[in-house]
Structures are given as structure tokens and as C-alpha cells.
Amino acid sequence: MTSESPGAGEFLPLKPRVYLTLLLLAQRPRHGYDLLRVLEERSGGRLRLNPGSFYRLIHRLRDQGLIERVETSADAASGGADRKTYGLTELGLETLRAEARRQEALLDLARDWAL
């Protein structure tokens, strides 16, 4: 990585919606609607995102180099019609791991302080 490239720490702390989006993409590439649906489902409805806001988030994560468009076999079969699939970049994975370490350190402090 050059000195001009962003490091994972530059993006910390991550907002919950960003952290959870990156976690889902660490599992496998997904298209936008699937991400939105699974985020809401797995959060038990606590995380509800407006589709417009969510797609702006996706574009920002792409611009930051944390995620990228990927082609899957389903995209190829459909000719890529209107369905954009996203995957985690190496920087996205590094950022996700750095955030997990940051959260773990905070949890360790809470445990040490008997909370």
C-alpha cells in the first residue's frame, strides 16, 4: 500500500449499518436488495434503512474502496440486467477486522470494569 492509499484505521469507528454491511459482504458477494433485506431481517427489524439512503451508502463504500462490483454466475446468466452485485475489497476486509478488534477492546474494558 502506498502512502497515498487509505488505511483501515482511517474509516474507524464504523457506524453500525456500515459494519453490518461489510460483515454480510465478508460472507459472500450480494446484490443491493439482498443486503438491505438481510440487514433488516437479521437485526430483527431494528435496523431499517430507506432504500435511497442505503444505495447512497453503497456508492460511498465503493468510492472509499471498501467494496467493489463483482460479477457472479447469476449476473452472467441474466446478462447483468439491473442487478449490481458487490463484494468486499482487501481494504474492506482489513477495515472490518480493525473494527472488530476495536469493539473487542471496548468489550474487554467493560468486562475489566465489571460492567
PDB file of N, CA and C in Angstrom:
ATOM      1  N   MET A   1       0.849  -1.162   0.000  1.00  0.00           N
ATOM      2  CA  MET A   1       0.000   0.000   0.000  1.00  0.00           C
ATOM      3  C   MET A   1       0.902   1.234   0.000  1.00  0.00           C
ATOM      4  N   THR A   2       0.613   2.208  -0.844  1.00  0.00           N
ATOM      5  CA  THR A   2       1.406   3.425  -0.896  1.00  0.00           C
ATOM      6  C   THR A   2       0.948   4.368   0.198  1.00  0.00           C
ATOM      7  N   SER A   3       1.751   5.419   0.445  1.00  0.00           N
ATOM      8  CA  SER A   3       1.383   6.381   1.472  1.00  0.00           C
ATOM      9  C   SER A   3       0.124   7.148   1.091  1.00  0.00           C
ATOM     10  N   GLU A   4      -0.238   7.143  -0.185  1.00  0.00           N
ATOM     11  CA  GLU A   4      -1.440   7.840  -0.636  1.00  0.00           C
ATOM     12  C   GLU A   4      -2.694   6.996  -0.436  1.00  0.00           C
ATOM     13  N   SER A   5      -2.521   5.716  -0.260  1.00  0.00           N
ATOM     14  CA  SER A   5      -3.669   4.826  -0.097  1.00  0.00           C
ATOM     15  C   SER A   5      -4.209   4.936   1.320  1.00  0.00           C
ATOM     16  N   PRO A   6      -5.534   4.884   1.464  1.00  0.00           N
ATOM     17  CA  PRO A   6      -6.095   4.930   2.810  1.00  0.00           C
ATOM     18  C   PRO A   6      -5.803   3.641   3.553  1.00  0.00           C
ATOM     19  N   GLY A   7      -5.669   3.740   4.856  1.00  0.00           N
ATOM     20  CA  GLY A   7      -5.516   2.568   5.690  1.00  0.00           C
ATOM     21  C   GLY A   7      -6.834   2.251   6.361  1.00  0.00           C
ATOM     22  N   ALA A   8      -6.940   1.048   6.886  1.00  0.00           N
ATOM     23  CA  ALA A   8      -8.186   0.612   7.510  1.00  0.00           C
ATOM     24  C   ALA A   8      -8.598   1.530   8.653  1.00  0.00           C
ATOM     25  N   GLY A   9      -7.628   2.019   9.414  1.00  0.00           N
ATOM     26  CA  GLY A   9      -7.930   2.871  10.560  1.00  0.00           C
ATOM     27  C   GLY A   9      -8.574   4.188  10.193  1.00  0.00           C
ATOM     28  N   GLU A  10      -8.398   4.610   8.965  1.00  0.00           N
ATOM     29  CA  GLU A  10      -8.964   5.884   8.511  1.00  0.00           C
ATOM     30  C   GLU A  10     -10.488   5.889   8.590  1.00  0.00           C
ATOM     31  N   PHE A  11     -11.107   4.732   8.511  1.00  0.00           N
ATOM     32  CA  PHE A  11     -12.565   4.633   8.448  1.00  0.00           C
ATOM     33  C   PHE A  11     -13.217   4.355   9.807  1.00  0.00           C
ATOM     34  N   LEU A  12     -12.384   4.187  10.841  1.00  0.00           N
ATOM     35  CA  LEU A  12     -12.915   3.821  12.158  1.00  0.00           C
ATOM     36  C   LEU A  12     -13.279   5.049  12.976  1.00  0.00           C
ATOM     37  N   PRO A  13     -14.230   4.944  13.864  1.00  0.00           N
ATOM     38  CA  PRO A  13     -15.120   3.803  14.080  1.00  0.00           C
ATOM     39  C   PRO A  13     -16.176   3.724  12.986  1.00  0.00           C
ATOM     40  N   LEU A  14     -16.606   2.518  12.696  1.00  0.00           N
ATOM     41  CA  LEU A  14     -17.651   2.316  11.690  1.00  0.00           C
ATOM     42  C   LEU A  14     -19.027   2.479  12.325  1.00  0.00           C
ATOM     43  N   LYS A  15     -19.936   3.068  11.580  1.00  0.00           N
ATOM     44  CA  LYS A  15     -21.331   3.119  12.020  1.00  0.00           C
ATOM     45  C   LYS A  15     -21.889   1.702  11.918  1.00  0.00           C
ATOM     46  N   PRO A  16     -22.860   1.362  12.766  1.00  0.00           N
ATOM     47  CA  PRO A  16     -23.406   0.000  12.740  1.00  0.00           C
ATOM     48  C   PRO A  16     -23.869  -0.454  11.357  1.00  0.00           C
ATOM     49  N   ARG A  17     -24.526   0.386  10.603  1.00  0.00           N
ATOM     50  CA  ARG A  17     -25.024  -0.039   9.283  1.00  0.00           C
ATOM     51  C   ARG A  17     -23.869  -0.345   8.332  1.00  0.00           C
ATOM     52  N   VAL A  18     -22.756   0.374   8.478  1.00  0.00           N
ATOM     53  CA  VAL A  18     -21.580   0.107   7.645  1.00  0.00           C
ATOM     54  C   VAL A  18     -20.932  -1.201   8.083  1.00  0.00           C
ATOM     55  N   TYR A  19     -20.738  -1.359   9.390  1.00  0.00           N
ATOM     56  CA  TYR A  19     -20.122  -2.572   9.934  1.00  0.00           C
ATOM     57  C   TYR A  19     -20.910  -3.813   9.520  1.00  0.00           C
ATOM     58  N   LEU A  20     -22.225  -3.758   9.678  1.00  0.00           N
ATOM     59  CA  LEU A  20     -23.056  -4.915   9.347  1.00  0.00           C
ATOM     60  C   LEU A  20     -23.078  -5.192   7.847  1.00  0.00           C
ATOM     61  N   THR A  21     -23.053  -4.142   7.033  1.00  0.00           N
ATOM     62  CA  THR A  21     -22.995  -4.329   5.577  1.00  0.00           C
ATOM     63  C   THR A  21     -21.697  -5.023   5.193  1.00  0.00           C
ATOM     64  N   LEU A  22     -20.580  -4.575   5.761  1.00  0.00           N
ATOM     65  CA  LEU A  22     -19.295  -5.212   5.462  1.00  0.00           C
ATOM     66  C   LEU A  22     -19.266  -6.653   5.964  1.00  0.00           C
ATOM     67  N   LEU A  23     -19.864  -6.903   7.137  1.00  0.00           N
ATOM     68  CA  LEU A  23     -19.932  -8.283   7.650  1.00  0.00           C
ATOM     69  C   LEU A  23     -20.672  -9.200   6.681  1.00  0.00           C
ATOM     70  N   LEU A  24     -21.796  -8.726   6.157  1.00  0.00           N
ATOM     71  CA  LEU A  24     -22.549  -9.545   5.203  1.00  0.00           C
ATOM     72  C   LEU A  24     -21.739  -9.808   3.944  1.00  0.00           C
ATOM     73  N   LEU A  25     -21.028  -8.792   3.469  1.00  0.00           N
ATOM     74  CA  LEU A  25     -20.238  -8.973   2.250  1.00  0.00           C
ATOM     75  C   LEU A  25     -19.004  -9.832   2.492  1.00  0.00           C
ATOM     76  N   ALA A  26     -18.567  -9.956   3.745  1.00  0.00           N
ATOM     77  CA  ALA A  26     -17.452 -10.853   4.060  1.00  0.00           C
ATOM     78  C   ALA A  26     -17.885 -12.307   3.893  1.00  0.00           C
ATOM     79  N   GLN A  27     -19.190 -12.568   4.043  1.00  0.00           N
ATOM     80  CA  GLN A  27     -19.709 -13.926   3.867  1.00  0.00           C
ATOM     81  C   GLN A  27     -19.708 -14.329   2.403  1.00  0.00           C
ATOM     82  N   ARG A  28     -20.201 -13.410   1.559  1.00  0.00           N
ATOM     83  CA  ARG A  28     -20.260 -13.680   0.120  1.00  0.00           C
ATOM     84  C   ARG A  28     -20.730 -12.414  -0.585  1.00  0.00           C
ATOM     85  N   PRO A  29     -20.465 -12.306  -1.876  1.00  0.00           N
ATOM     86  CA  PRO A  29     -20.987 -11.155  -2.631  1.00  0.00           C
ATOM     87  C   PRO A  29     -22.517 -11.174  -2.626  1.00  0.00           C
ATOM     88  N   ARG A  30     -23.097  -9.986  -2.597  1.00  0.00           N
ATOM     89  CA  ARG A  30     -24.554  -9.862  -2.580  1.00  0.00           C
ATOM     90  C   ARG A  30     -24.964  -8.651  -3.404  1.00  0.00           C
ATOM     91  N   HIS A  31     -26.189  -8.686  -3.903  1.00  0.00           N
ATOM     92  CA  HIS A  31     -26.708  -7.506  -4.596  1.00  0.00           C
ATOM     93  C   HIS A  31     -27.388  -6.603  -3.566  1.00  0.00           C
ATOM     94  N   GLY A  32     -27.595  -5.352  -3.957  1.00  0.00           N
ATOM     95  CA  GLY A  32     -28.086  -4.340  -3.035  1.00  0.00           C
ATOM     96  C   GLY A  32     -29.369  -4.700  -2.320  1.00  0.00           C
ATOM     97  N   TYR A  33     -30.364  -5.172  -3.059  1.00  0.00           N
ATOM     98  CA  TYR A  33     -31.645  -5.503  -2.428  1.00  0.00           C
ATOM     99  C   TYR A  33     -31.466  -6.623  -1.407  1.00  0.00           C
ATOM    100  N   ASP A  34     -30.637  -7.607  -1.715  1.00  0.00           N
ATOM    101  CA  ASP A  34     -30.392  -8.709  -0.782  1.00  0.00           C
ATOM    102  C   ASP A  34     -29.736  -8.179   0.491  1.00  0.00           C
ATOM    103  N   LEU A  35     -28.772  -7.280   0.344  1.00  0.00           N
ATOM    104  CA  LEU A  35     -28.129  -6.682   1.516  1.00  0.00           C
ATOM    105  C   LEU A  35     -29.160  -5.982   2.392  1.00  0.00           C
ATOM    106  N   LEU A  36     -29.977  -5.169   1.777  1.00  0.00           N
ATOM    107  CA  LEU A  36     -30.993  -4.412   2.505  1.00  0.00           C
ATOM    108  C   LEU A  36     -31.951  -5.349   3.239  1.00  0.00           C
ATOM    109  N   ARG A  37     -32.404  -6.384   2.564  1.00  0.00           N
ATOM    110  CA  ARG A  37     -33.350  -7.347   3.137  1.00  0.00           C
ATOM    111  C   ARG A  37     -32.732  -8.112   4.305  1.00  0.00           C
ATOM    112  N   VAL A  38     -31.507  -8.605   4.122  1.00  0.00           N
ATOM    113  CA  VAL A  38     -30.859  -9.413   5.163  1.00  0.00           C
ATOM    114  C   VAL A  38     -30.489  -8.550   6.370  1.00  0.00           C
ATOM    115  N   LEU A  39     -30.068  -7.309   6.137  1.00  0.00           N
ATOM    116  CA  LEU A  39     -29.763  -6.415   7.261  1.00  0.00           C
ATOM    117  C   LEU A  39     -30.990  -6.224   8.147  1.00  0.00           C
ATOM    118  N   GLU A  40     -32.119  -5.986   7.524  1.00  0.00           N
ATOM    119  CA  GLU A  40     -33.344  -5.783   8.293  1.00  0.00           C
ATOM    120  C   GLU A  40     -33.765  -7.078   8.988  1.00  0.00           C
ATOM    121  N   GLU A  41     -33.677  -8.189   8.260  1.00  0.00           N
ATOM    122  CA  GLU A  41     -34.091  -9.485   8.805  1.00  0.00           C
ATOM    123  C   GLU A  41     -33.225  -9.890   9.995  1.00  0.00           C
ATOM    124  N   ARG A  42     -31.913  -9.824   9.840  1.00  0.00           N
ATOM    125  CA  ARG A  42     -31.010 -10.283  10.902  1.00  0.00           C
ATOM    126  C   ARG A  42     -30.984  -9.349  12.103  1.00  0.00           C
ATOM    127  N   SER A  43     -31.377  -8.094  11.898  1.00  0.00           N
ATOM    128  CA  SER A  43     -31.415  -7.162  13.031  1.00  0.00           C
ATOM    129  C   SER A  43     -32.761  -7.229  13.748  1.00  0.00           C
ATOM    130  N   GLY A  44     -33.612  -8.141  13.318  1.00  0.00           N
ATOM    131  CA  GLY A  44     -34.930  -8.252  13.922  1.00  0.00           C
ATOM    132  C   GLY A  44     -35.778  -7.016  13.695  1.00  0.00           C
ATOM    133  N   GLY A  45     -35.508  -6.316  12.598  1.00  0.00           N
ATOM    134  CA  GLY A  45     -36.259  -5.114  12.275  1.00  0.00           C
ATOM    135  C   GLY A  45     -35.749  -3.860  12.958  1.00  0.00           C
ATOM    136  N   ARG A  46     -34.719  -3.994  13.804  1.00  0.00           N
ATOM    137  CA  ARG A  46     -34.180  -2.815  14.496  1.00  0.00           C
ATOM    138  C   ARG A  46     -33.424  -1.900  13.551  1.00  0.00           C
ATOM    139  N   LEU A  47     -32.870  -2.466  12.494  1.00  0.00           N
ATOM    140  CA  LEU A  47     -32.130  -1.676  11.519  1.00  0.00           C
ATOM    141  C   LEU A  47     -32.969  -1.591  10.254  1.00  0.00           C
ATOM    142  N   ARG A  48     -33.639  -0.474  10.087  1.00  0.00           N
ATOM    143  CA  ARG A  48     -34.463  -0.241   8.896  1.00  0.00           C
ATOM    144  C   ARG A  48     -33.834   0.895   8.116  1.00  0.00           C
ATOM    145  N   LEU A  49     -33.503   0.617   6.887  1.00  0.00           N
ATOM    146  CA  LEU A  49     -32.852   1.616   6.053  1.00  0.00           C
ATOM    147  C   LEU A  49     -33.737   1.975   4.878  1.00  0.00           C
ATOM    148  N   ASN A  50     -33.831   3.244   4.621  1.00  0.00           N
ATOM    149  CA  ASN A  50     -34.508   3.735   3.432  1.00  0.00           C
ATOM    150  C   ASN A  50     -33.686   3.282   2.229  1.00  0.00           C
ATOM    151  N   PRO A  51     -34.300   2.688   1.206  1.00  0.00           N
ATOM    152  CA  PRO A  51     -33.521   2.218   0.051  1.00  0.00           C
ATOM    153  C   PRO A  51     -32.639   3.300  -0.571  1.00  0.00           C
ATOM    154  N   GLY A  52     -33.143   4.519  -0.678  1.00  0.00           N
ATOM    155  CA  GLY A  52     -32.331   5.594  -1.251  1.00  0.00           C
ATOM    156  C   GLY A  52     -31.093   5.871  -0.420  1.00  0.00           C
ATOM    157  N   SER A  53     -31.258   5.930   0.896  1.00  0.00           N
ATOM    158  CA  SER A  53     -30.125   6.150   1.800  1.00  0.00           C
ATOM    159  C   SER A  53     -29.147   4.985   1.724  1.00  0.00           C
ATOM    160  N   PHE A  54     -29.693   3.775   1.645  1.00  0.00           N
ATOM    161  CA  PHE A  54     -28.829   2.599   1.597  1.00  0.00           C
ATOM    162  C   PHE A  54     -27.991   2.579   0.322  1.00  0.00           C
ATOM    163  N   TYR A  55     -28.593   2.909  -0.808  1.00  0.00           N
ATOM    164  CA  TYR A  55     -27.827   2.897  -2.053  1.00  0.00           C
ATOM    165  C   TYR A  55     -26.792   4.019  -2.082  1.00  0.00           C
ATOM    166  N   ARG A  56     -27.063   5.133  -1.400  1.00  0.00           N
ATOM    167  CA  ARG A  56     -26.027   6.168  -1.257  1.00  0.00           C
ATOM    168  C   ARG A  56     -24.871   5.627  -0.420  1.00  0.00           C
ATOM    169  N   LEU A  57     -25.198   4.856   0.617  1.00  0.00           N
ATOM    170  CA  LEU A  57     -24.168   4.222   1.437  1.00  0.00           C
ATOM    171  C   LEU A  57     -23.322   3.277   0.584  1.00  0.00           C
ATOM    172  N   ILE A  58     -23.962   2.474  -0.242  1.00  0.00           N
ATOM    173  CA  ILE A  58     -23.247   1.541  -1.121  1.00  0.00           C
ATOM    174  C   ILE A  58     -22.293   2.309  -2.039  1.00  0.00           C
ATOM    175  N   HIS A  59     -22.766   3.398  -2.622  1.00  0.00           N
ATOM    176  CA  HIS A  59     -21.909   4.192  -3.512  1.00  0.00           C
ATOM    177  C   HIS A  59     -20.731   4.788  -2.742  1.00  0.00           C
ATOM    178  N   ARG A  60     -20.974   5.244  -1.510  1.00  0.00           N
ATOM    179  CA  ARG A  60     -19.885   5.802  -0.709  1.00  0.00           C
ATOM    180  C   ARG A  60     -18.845   4.726  -0.378  1.00  0.00           C
ATOM    181  N   LEU A  61     -19.311   3.532  -0.015  1.00  0.00           N
ATOM    182  CA  LEU A  61     -18.382   2.440   0.293  1.00  0.00           C
ATOM    183  C   LEU A  61     -17.557   2.061  -0.933  1.00  0.00           C
ATOM    184  N   ARG A  62     -18.179   2.114  -2.103  1.00  0.00           N
ATOM    185  CA  ARG A  62     -17.438   1.862  -3.355  1.00  0.00           C
ATOM    186  C   ARG A  62     -16.396   2.945  -3.585  1.00  0.00           C
ATOM    187  N   ASP A  63     -16.802   4.199  -3.419  1.00  0.00           N
ATOM    188  CA  ASP A  63     -15.878   5.313  -3.628  1.00  0.00           C
ATOM    189  C   ASP A  63     -14.696   5.254  -2.663  1.00  0.00           C
ATOM    190  N   GLN A  64     -14.930   4.757  -1.454  1.00  0.00           N
ATOM    191  CA  GLN A  64     -13.872   4.639  -0.452  1.00  0.00           C
ATOM    192  C   GLN A  64     -12.985   3.422  -0.687  1.00  0.00           C
ATOM    193  N   GLY A  65     -13.384   2.548  -1.594  1.00  0.00           N
ATOM    194  CA  GLY A  65     -12.590   1.360  -1.891  1.00  0.00           C
ATOM    195  C   GLY A  65     -12.821   0.202  -0.940  1.00  0.00           C
ATOM    196  N   LEU A  66     -13.904   0.253  -0.154  1.00  0.00           N
ATOM    197  CA  LEU A  66     -14.187  -0.825   0.792  1.00  0.00           C
ATOM    198  C   LEU A  66     -14.953  -1.976   0.154  1.00  0.00           C
ATOM    199  N   ILE A  67     -15.739  -1.661  -0.870  1.00  0.00           N
ATOM    200  CA  ILE A  67     -16.456  -2.692  -1.619  1.00  0.00           C
ATOM    201  C   ILE A  67     -16.271  -2.419  -3.109  1.00  0.00           C
ATOM    202  N   GLU A  68     -16.586  -3.426  -3.912  1.00  0.00           N
ATOM    203  CA  GLU A  68     -16.480  -3.278  -5.365  1.00  0.00           C
ATOM    204  C   GLU A  68     -17.569  -4.098  -6.030  1.00  0.00           C
ATOM    205  N   ARG A  69     -17.887  -3.711  -7.259  1.00  0.00           N
ATOM    206  CA  ARG A  69     -18.823  -4.526  -8.039  1.00  0.00           C
ATOM    207  C   ARG A  69     -18.110  -5.786  -8.469  1.00  0.00           C
ATOM    208  N   VAL A  70     -18.814  -6.888  -8.386  1.00  0.00           N
ATOM    209  CA  VAL A  70     -18.267  -8.169  -8.826  1.00  0.00           C
ATOM    210  C   VAL A  70     -19.287  -8.829  -9.732  1.00  0.00           C
ATOM    211  N   GLU A  71     -18.804  -9.664 -10.604  1.00  0.00           N
ATOM    212  CA  GLU A  71     -19.706 -10.415 -11.479  1.00  0.00           C
ATOM    213  C   GLU A  71     -19.819 -11.824 -10.934  1.00  0.00           C
ATOM    214  N   THR A  72     -21.051 -12.264 -10.761  1.00  0.00           N
ATOM    215  CA  THR A  72     -21.304 -13.622 -10.295  1.00  0.00           C
ATOM    216  C   THR A  72     -21.901 -14.427 -11.437  1.00  0.00           C
ATOM    217  N   SER A  73     -22.009 -15.721 -11.243  1.00  0.00           N
ATOM    218  CA  SER A  73     -22.599 -16.559 -12.290  1.00  0.00           C
ATOM    219  C   SER A  73     -24.057 -16.171 -12.535  1.00  0.00           C
ATOM    220  N   ALA A  74     -24.771 -15.745 -11.493  1.00  0.00           N
ATOM    221  CA  ALA A  74     -26.164 -15.310 -11.666  1.00  0.00           C
ATOM    222  C   ALA A  74     -26.223 -14.033 -12.497  1.00  0.00           C
ATOM    223  N   ASP A  75     -25.254 -13.128 -12.290  1.00  0.00           N
ATOM    224  CA  ASP A  75     -25.201 -11.898 -13.088  1.00  0.00           C
ATOM    225  C   ASP A  75     -24.943 -12.236 -14.546  1.00  0.00           C
ATOM    226  N   ALA A  76     -24.018 -13.155 -14.768  1.00  0.00           N
ATOM    227  CA  ALA A  76     -23.674 -13.529 -16.137  1.00  0.00           C
ATOM    228  C   ALA A  76     -24.866 -14.181 -16.834  1.00  0.00           C
ATOM    229  N   ALA A  77     -25.598 -15.016 -16.106  1.00  0.00           N
ATOM    230  CA  ALA A  77     -26.749 -15.705 -16.697  1.00  0.00           C
ATOM    231  C   ALA A  77     -27.860 -14.734 -17.077  1.00  0.00           C
ATOM    232  N   SER A  78     -28.004 -13.674 -16.287  1.00  0.00           N
ATOM    233  CA  SER A  78     -29.069 -12.703 -16.576  1.00  0.00           C
ATOM    234  C   SER A  78     -28.573 -11.579 -17.466  1.00  0.00           C
ATOM    235  N   GLY A  79     -27.313 -11.645 -17.858  1.00  0.00           N
ATOM    236  CA  GLY A  79     -26.745 -10.570 -18.659  1.00  0.00           C
ATOM    237  C   GLY A  79     -26.470  -9.333 -17.828  1.00  0.00           C
ATOM    238  N   GLY A  80     -26.482  -9.484 -16.487  1.00  0.00           N
ATOM    239  CA  GLY A  80     -26.216  -8.375 -15.593  1.00  0.00           C
ATOM    240  C   GLY A  80     -27.332  -7.351 -15.548  1.00  0.00           C
ATOM    241  N   ALA A  81     -28.511  -7.751 -15.969  1.00  0.00           N
ATOM    242  CA  ALA A  81     -29.631  -6.816 -16.090  1.00  0.00           C
ATOM    243  C   ALA A  81     -30.037  -6.229 -14.745  1.00  0.00           C
ATOM    244  N   ASP A  82     -29.751  -4.959 -14.560  1.00  0.00           N
ATOM    245  CA  ASP A  82     -30.232  -4.167 -13.425  1.00  0.00           C
ATOM    246  C   ASP A  82     -29.867  -4.696 -12.044  1.00  0.00           C
ATOM    247  N   ARG A  83     -29.060  -5.688 -11.924  1.00  0.00           N
ATOM    248  CA  ARG A  83     -28.710  -6.212 -10.611  1.00  0.00           C
ATOM    249  C   ARG A  83     -27.204  -6.078 -10.426  1.00  0.00           C
ATOM    250  N   LYS A  84     -26.818  -5.208  -9.519  1.00  0.00           N
ATOM    251  CA  LYS A  84     -25.403  -4.991  -9.252  1.00  0.00           C
ATOM    252  C   LYS A  84     -25.025  -5.780  -8.013  1.00  0.00           C
ATOM    253  N   THR A  85     -24.013  -6.608  -8.153  1.00  0.00           N
ATOM    254  CA  THR A  85     -23.544  -7.426  -7.047  1.00  0.00           C
ATOM    255  C   THR A  85     -22.253  -6.824  -6.524  1.00  0.00           C
ATOM    256  N   TYR A  86     -22.136  -6.789  -5.194  1.00  0.00           N
ATOM    257  CA  TYR A  86     -20.984  -6.168  -4.552  1.00  0.00           C
ATOM    258  C   TYR A  86     -20.240  -7.189  -3.710  1.00  0.00           C
ATOM    259  N   GLY A  87     -18.936  -7.005  -3.632  1.00  0.00           N
ATOM    260  CA  GLY A  87     -18.096  -7.837  -2.797  1.00  0.00           C
ATOM    261  C   GLY A  87     -17.150  -6.959  -1.996  1.00  0.00           C
ATOM    262  N   LEU A  88     -16.550  -7.535  -1.002  1.00  0.00           N
ATOM    263  CA  LEU A  88     -15.617  -6.836  -0.129  1.00  0.00           C
ATOM    264  C   LEU A  88     -14.249  -6.760  -0.793  1.00  0.00           C
ATOM    265  N   THR A  89     -13.596  -5.619  -0.708  1.00  0.00           N
ATOM    266  CA  THR A  89     -12.224  -5.492  -1.188  1.00  0.00           C
ATOM    267  C   THR A  89     -11.272  -5.888  -0.059  1.00  0.00           C
ATOM    268  N   GLU A  90      -9.995  -5.970  -0.374  1.00  0.00           N
ATOM    269  CA  GLU A  90      -8.996  -6.258   0.659  1.00  0.00           C
ATOM    270  C   GLU A  90      -9.016  -5.162   1.727  1.00  0.00           C
ATOM    271  N   LEU A  91      -9.128  -3.905   1.301  1.00  0.00           N
ATOM    272  CA  LEU A  91      -9.216  -2.796   2.254  1.00  0.00           C
ATOM    273  C   LEU A  91     -10.485  -2.918   3.099  1.00  0.00           C
ATOM    274  N   GLY A  92     -11.574  -3.341   2.486  1.00  0.00           N
ATOM    275  CA  GLY A  92     -12.817  -3.538   3.229  1.00  0.00           C
ATOM    276  C   GLY A  92     -12.665  -4.610   4.291  1.00  0.00           C
ATOM    277  N   LEU A  93     -11.990  -5.701   3.944  1.00  0.00           N
ATOM    278  CA  LEU A  93     -11.763  -6.783   4.906  1.00  0.00           C
ATOM    279  C   LEU A  93     -10.848  -6.317   6.036  1.00  0.00           C
ATOM    280  N   GLU A  94      -9.784  -5.582   5.701  1.00  0.00           N
ATOM    281  CA  GLU A  94      -8.881  -5.042   6.728  1.00  0.00           C
ATOM    282  C   GLU A  94      -9.634  -4.102   7.663  1.00  0.00           C
ATOM    283  N   THR A  95     -10.495  -3.275   7.097  1.00  0.00           N
ATOM    284  CA  THR A  95     -11.279  -2.327   7.890  1.00  0.00           C
ATOM    285  C   THR A  95     -12.247  -3.066   8.799  1.00  0.00           C
ATOM    286  N   LEU A  96     -12.893  -4.079   8.280  1.00  0.00           N
ATOM    287  CA  LEU A  96     -13.821  -4.890   9.070  1.00  0.00           C
ATOM    288  C   LEU A  96     -13.095  -5.542  10.242  1.00  0.00           C
ATOM    289  N   ARG A  97     -11.937  -6.098   9.992  1.00  0.00           N
ATOM    290  CA  ARG A  97     -11.155  -6.735  11.065  1.00  0.00           C
ATOM    291  C   ARG A  97     -10.693  -5.713  12.100  1.00  0.00           C
ATOM    292  N   ALA A  98     -10.275  -4.534  11.637  1.00  0.00           N
ATOM    293  CA  ALA A  98      -9.834  -3.481  12.558  1.00  0.00           C
ATOM    294  C   ALA A  98     -10.991  -3.034  13.452  1.00  0.00           C
ATOM    295  N   GLU A  99     -12.180  -2.911  12.886  1.00  0.00           N
ATOM    296  CA  GLU A  99     -13.353  -2.522  13.681  1.00  0.00           C
ATOM    297  C   GLU A  99     -13.707  -3.613  14.683  1.00  0.00           C
ATOM    298  N   ALA A 100     -13.601  -4.872  14.289  1.00  0.00           N
ATOM    299  CA  ALA A 100     -13.882  -5.971  15.220  1.00  0.00           C
ATOM    300  C   ALA A 100     -12.897  -5.934  16.390  1.00  0.00           C
ATOM    301  N   ARG A 101     -11.620  -5.672  16.100  1.00  0.00           N
ATOM    302  CA  ARG A 101     -10.617  -5.564  17.174  1.00  0.00           C
ATOM    303  C   ARG A 101     -10.932  -4.380  18.087  1.00  0.00           C
ATOM    304  N   ARG A 102     -11.345  -3.258  17.499  1.00  0.00           N
ATOM    305  CA  ARG A 102     -11.677  -2.065  18.277  1.00  0.00           C
ATOM    306  C   ARG A 102     -12.847  -2.361  19.213  1.00  0.00           C
ATOM    307  N   GLN A 103     -13.878  -3.014  18.687  1.00  0.00           N
ATOM    308  CA  GLN A 103     -15.044  -3.342  19.509  1.00  0.00           C
ATOM    309  C   GLN A 103     -14.689  -4.355  20.594  1.00  0.00           C
ATOM    310  N   GLU A 104     -13.828  -5.304  20.251  1.00  0.00           N
ATOM    311  CA  GLU A 104     -13.406  -6.305  21.233  1.00  0.00           C
ATOM    312  C   GLU A 104     -12.639  -5.644  22.379  1.00  0.00           C
ATOM    313  N   ALA A 105     -11.792  -4.670  22.055  1.00  0.00           N
ATOM    314  CA  ALA A 105     -11.042  -3.954  23.086  1.00  0.00           C
ATOM    315  C   ALA A 105     -11.990  -3.192  24.015  1.00  0.00           C
ATOM    316  N   LEU A 106     -13.029  -2.590  23.449  1.00  0.00           N
ATOM    317  CA  LEU A 106     -14.016  -1.889  24.274  1.00  0.00           C
ATOM    318  C   LEU A 106     -14.765  -2.861  25.176  1.00  0.00           C
ATOM    319  N   LEU A 107     -15.116  -4.011  24.633  1.00  0.00           N
ATOM    320  CA  LEU A 107     -15.806  -5.026  25.424  1.00  0.00           C
ATOM    321  C   LEU A 107     -14.908  -5.540  26.544  1.00  0.00           C
ATOM    322  N   ASP A 108     -13.617  -5.729  26.259  1.00  0.00           N
ATOM    323  CA  ASP A 108     -12.667  -6.153  27.292  1.00  0.00           C
ATOM    324  C   ASP A 108     -12.600  -5.131  28.421  1.00  0.00           C
ATOM    325  N   LEU A 109     -12.602  -3.846  28.070  1.00  0.00           N
ATOM    326  CA  LEU A 109     -12.600  -2.801  29.099  1.00  0.00           C
ATOM    327  C   LEU A 109     -13.847  -2.898  29.966  1.00  0.00           C
ATOM    328  N   ALA A 110     -14.980  -3.086  29.342  1.00  0.00           N
ATOM    329  CA  ALA A 110     -16.232  -3.200  30.094  1.00  0.00           C
ATOM    330  C   ALA A 110     -16.177  -4.395  31.040  1.00  0.00           C
ATOM    331  N   ARG A 111     -15.632  -5.495  30.572  1.00  0.00           N
ATOM    332  CA  ARG A 111     -15.517  -6.688  31.427  1.00  0.00           C
ATOM    333  C   ARG A 111     -14.558  -6.425  32.583  1.00  0.00           C
ATOM    334  N   ASP A 112     -13.425  -5.774  32.277  1.00  0.00           N
ATOM    335  CA  ASP A 112     -12.440  -5.461  33.314  1.00  0.00           C
ATOM    336  C   ASP A 112     -13.022  -4.547  34.383  1.00  0.00           C
ATOM    337  N   TRP A 113     -13.916  -3.695  33.987  1.00  0.00           N
ATOM    338  CA  TRP A 113     -14.530  -2.753  34.926  1.00  0.00           C
ATOM    339  C   TRP A 113     -15.793  -3.337  35.544  1.00  0.00           C
ATOM    340  N   ALA A 114     -15.989  -4.636  35.340  1.00  0.00           N
ATOM    341  CA  ALA A 114     -17.095  -5.393  35.943  1.00  0.00           C
ATOM    342  C   ALA A 114     -18.463  -4.828  35.589  1.00  0.00           C
ATOM    343  N   LEU A 115     -18.619  -4.464  34.338  1.00  0.00           N
ATOM    344  CA  LEU A 115     -19.928  -3.956  33.906  1.00  0.00           C
ATOM    345  C   LEU A 115     -20.761  -5.073  33.323  1.00  0.00           C
TER     346      LEU A 115
END
